[in-house]
């Protein structure tokens, strides 16, 4: 498979990570490069890990998870989106510790939720006999760069439009989860 094809696949699977990273950036009142890199690194890691798992377990993994993967992604994204909206509409504890940080637990949940579909990419890599290490390295790197840019864009929007941007960010996560669910249920075309 040509490298450009893998880069295009990487951009496709990074779309969900982009949206979630932008929502993370919206929460930052001050740009924290360490947190921005942590967010991007988390998404890059999970987007690379899931195709590797899918490749390693090939069709067996897909058969086990496929019936429920869309429900898992929907549930995690909807839960995180609703919590983000509630926090945006609640009292502003701007001075409280960690008020602008979503927390490592939520970040890891987002990383998993946005990358579950990438396991199917790994299954297809196994069928197509793609060099898996190079492919997952490209996917991880592309997702890292896209996610870091999204955090920066989200931070810029959040500084200007904090509450509306947080509400929109939460709504985006809910819509993202709903889209994944509806695509897998066959209501929407992929």
Protein backbone atom coordinates (compact mmCIF):
# COMPACT_ATOMS: atom_id res chain seq x y z
CA UNK A 1 0.00 0.00 0.00
CA UNK A 2 1.50 3.38 -0.95
CA UNK A 3 2.48 5.75 1.87
CA UNK A 4 0.09 8.43 0.60
CA UNK A 5 -2.80 5.98 0.99
CA UNK A 6 -1.79 5.32 4.60
CA UNK A 7 -1.54 9.09 5.26
CA UNK A 8 -5.06 9.55 3.85
CA UNK A 9 -6.33 6.71 6.04
CA UNK A 10 -4.58 8.34 8.99
CA UNK A 11 -6.31 11.65 8.28
CA UNK A 12 -9.63 9.83 8.10
CA UNK A 13 -9.24 8.05 11.43
CA UNK A 14 -7.85 11.23 13.03
CA UNK A 15 -11.07 13.21 12.37
CA UNK A 16 -12.67 12.13 15.65
CA UNK A 17 -9.46 12.87 17.55
CA UNK A 18 -9.37 16.33 15.92
CA UNK A 19 -12.86 17.16 17.22
CA UNK A 20 -12.12 15.87 20.72
CA UNK A 21 -8.76 17.70 20.80
CA UNK A 22 -10.43 20.93 19.80
CA UNK A 23 -12.89 20.49 22.67
CA UNK A 24 -9.92 19.95 24.99
CA UNK A 25 -8.26 23.13 23.76
CA UNK A 26 -11.44 25.13 24.38
CA UNK A 27 -11.15 24.34 28.10
CA UNK A 28 -7.63 25.83 28.38
CA UNK A 29 -7.73 29.37 29.69
CA UNK A 30 -3.95 29.62 29.28
CA UNK A 31 -2.06 27.57 26.74
CA UNK A 32 -0.20 24.78 28.53
CA UNK A 33 2.15 23.19 26.03
CA UNK A 34 2.67 20.15 28.23
CA UNK A 35 -1.06 19.48 28.36
CA UNK A 36 -1.47 20.17 24.65
CA UNK A 37 1.27 17.63 23.88
CA UNK A 38 -0.29 15.16 26.34
CA UNK A 39 -3.68 15.46 24.62
CA UNK A 40 -2.14 15.06 21.15
CA UNK A 41 0.09 12.23 22.35
CA UNK A 42 -2.83 10.38 23.91
CA UNK A 43 -4.87 10.53 20.72
CA UNK A 44 -1.86 9.63 18.59
CA UNK A 45 -1.08 6.67 20.86
CA UNK A 46 -4.60 5.22 20.80
CA UNK A 47 -5.06 5.83 17.07
CA UNK A 48 -1.84 3.86 16.49
CA UNK A 49 -2.56 1.18 19.10
CA UNK A 50 -6.03 0.19 17.89
CA UNK A 51 -4.99 -0.68 14.30
CA UNK A 52 -2.11 -2.67 15.77
CA UNK A 53 -4.54 -4.60 17.98
CA UNK A 54 -6.92 -5.07 15.05
CA UNK A 55 -4.09 -6.32 12.89
CA UNK A 56 -2.80 -8.69 15.58
CA UNK A 57 -6.18 -10.21 16.28
CA UNK A 58 -7.43 -9.74 12.68
CA UNK A 59 -10.96 -10.91 12.04
CA UNK A 60 -11.35 -12.57 15.47
CA UNK A 61 -11.12 -9.19 17.17
CA UNK A 62 -13.54 -7.60 14.74
CA UNK A 63 -16.09 -10.36 15.30
CA UNK A 64 -15.93 -9.96 19.07
CA UNK A 65 -16.08 -6.18 19.27
CA UNK A 66 -18.01 -5.26 16.11
CA UNK A 67 -21.45 -5.95 17.61
CA UNK A 68 -20.86 -3.45 20.44
CA UNK A 69 -18.04 -1.11 19.39
CA UNK A 70 -20.44 1.58 18.22
CA UNK A 71 -22.37 1.42 21.51
CA UNK A 72 -19.13 1.75 23.49
CA UNK A 73 -17.96 4.75 21.44
CA UNK A 74 -21.42 6.36 21.59
CA UNK A 75 -21.72 5.89 25.36
CA UNK A 76 -18.27 7.27 26.16
CA UNK A 77 -18.53 10.26 23.82
CA UNK A 78 -22.10 11.12 24.86
CA UNK A 79 -21.20 10.91 28.56
CA UNK A 80 -18.15 13.14 28.12
CA UNK A 81 -20.11 15.59 25.94
CA UNK A 82 -22.95 15.90 28.45
CA UNK A 83 -20.47 16.46 31.30
CA UNK A 84 -18.69 19.14 29.27
CA UNK A 85 -21.98 20.97 28.63
CA UNK A 86 -22.99 20.70 32.30
CA UNK A 87 -19.66 22.16 33.37
CA UNK A 88 -20.00 25.00 30.85
CA UNK A 89 -23.47 25.89 32.15
CA UNK A 90 -22.57 25.42 35.82
CA UNK A 91 -20.90 27.93 38.13
CA UNK A 92 -17.56 29.15 36.84
CA UNK A 93 -14.88 27.86 39.20
CA UNK A 94 -12.17 29.52 37.15
CA UNK A 95 -9.87 29.81 40.12
CA UNK A 96 -10.33 26.24 41.35
CA UNK A 97 -7.51 23.76 40.93
CA UNK A 98 -7.65 22.00 37.59
CA UNK A 99 -10.66 24.00 36.39
CA UNK A 100 -9.29 24.10 32.87
CA UNK A 101 -7.98 20.54 32.78
CA UNK A 102 -10.29 17.67 31.90
CA UNK A 103 -8.25 15.15 33.85
CA UNK A 104 -6.23 12.18 32.76
CA UNK A 105 -9.10 9.72 33.23
CA UNK A 106 -11.37 11.64 30.85
CA UNK A 107 -8.54 12.08 28.38
CA UNK A 108 -7.89 8.34 28.32
CA UNK A 109 -11.61 7.62 27.87
CA UNK A 110 -11.70 10.05 24.95
CA UNK A 111 -8.59 8.42 23.49
CA UNK A 112 -10.22 5.00 23.58
CA UNK A 113 -13.65 6.20 22.43
CA UNK A 114 -12.32 8.05 19.40
CA UNK A 115 -10.06 5.20 18.30
CA UNK A 116 -12.26 2.11 18.54
CA UNK A 117 -13.12 2.26 14.83
CA UNK A 118 -9.42 2.34 13.98
CA UNK A 119 -9.21 -1.34 14.96
CA UNK A 120 -11.10 -2.14 11.74
CA UNK A 121 -8.33 -0.38 9.82
CA UNK A 122 -5.87 -2.82 11.39
CA UNK A 123 -8.01 -5.76 10.32
CA UNK A 124 -7.96 -4.47 6.76
CA UNK A 125 -4.17 -4.01 7.00
CA UNK A 126 -3.88 -7.71 7.92
CA UNK A 127 -5.98 -8.71 4.92
CA UNK A 128 -4.02 -6.43 2.58
CA UNK A 129 -0.66 -7.56 4.00
CA UNK A 130 0.42 -4.01 4.89
CA UNK A 131 3.67 -3.41 6.81
CA UNK A 132 1.97 -2.78 10.14
CA UNK A 133 4.75 -1.01 12.07
CA UNK A 134 5.23 1.65 9.41
CA UNK A 135 1.49 2.09 9.00
CA UNK A 136 0.76 2.55 12.72
CA UNK A 137 3.74 4.92 13.05
CA UNK A 138 2.27 7.09 10.26
CA UNK A 139 -1.23 6.95 11.80
CA UNK A 140 0.13 7.88 15.24
CA UNK A 141 2.24 10.74 13.92
CA UNK A 142 -0.51 12.18 11.70
CA UNK A 143 -3.01 11.99 14.57
CA UNK A 144 -0.54 13.64 16.95
CA UNK A 145 0.03 16.58 14.58
CA UNK A 146 -3.67 16.98 13.73
CA UNK A 147 -4.64 16.78 17.42
CA UNK A 148 -1.99 19.30 18.51
CA UNK A 149 -3.23 21.76 15.88
CA UNK A 150 -6.81 21.16 17.06
CA UNK A 151 -5.88 21.92 20.68
CA UNK A 152 -4.30 25.20 19.56
CA UNK A 153 -7.35 26.16 17.47
CA UNK A 154 -9.68 25.17 20.31
CA UNK A 155 -7.65 27.22 22.78
CA UNK A 156 -7.90 30.27 20.51
CA UNK A 157 -11.66 29.87 20.23
CA UNK A 158 -12.06 29.19 23.94
CA UNK A 159 -10.30 32.39 24.93
CA UNK A 160 -12.75 34.42 22.89
CA UNK A 161 -15.95 32.45 23.34
CA UNK A 162 -15.45 30.29 26.46
CA UNK A 163 -18.98 29.15 27.44
CA UNK A 164 -20.46 28.86 23.93
CA UNK A 165 -17.31 27.08 22.75
CA UNK A 166 -17.49 24.58 25.65
CA UNK A 167 -21.17 23.93 24.91
CA UNK A 168 -20.39 23.46 21.21
CA UNK A 169 -17.43 21.23 22.12
CA UNK A 170 -19.67 19.04 24.28
CA UNK A 171 -22.31 18.95 21.55
CA UNK A 172 -19.65 17.93 19.01
CA UNK A 173 -18.69 14.96 21.20
CA UNK A 174 -22.34 13.91 21.49
CA UNK A 175 -22.88 14.30 17.72
CA UNK A 176 -19.66 12.37 17.06
CA UNK A 177 -20.85 9.48 19.23
CA UNK A 178 -24.30 9.57 17.65
CA UNK A 179 -22.80 9.56 14.14
CA UNK A 180 -20.67 6.51 14.98
CA UNK A 181 -23.73 4.72 16.38
CA UNK A 182 -25.98 5.58 13.43
CA UNK A 183 -23.34 4.58 10.86
CA UNK A 184 -22.88 1.19 12.50
CA UNK A 185 -26.62 0.67 12.77
CA UNK A 186 -26.90 1.38 9.04
CA UNK A 187 -29.01 4.52 9.46
CA UNK A 188 -26.29 6.72 7.94
CA UNK A 189 -23.92 5.81 5.12
CA UNK A 190 -20.25 5.65 6.14
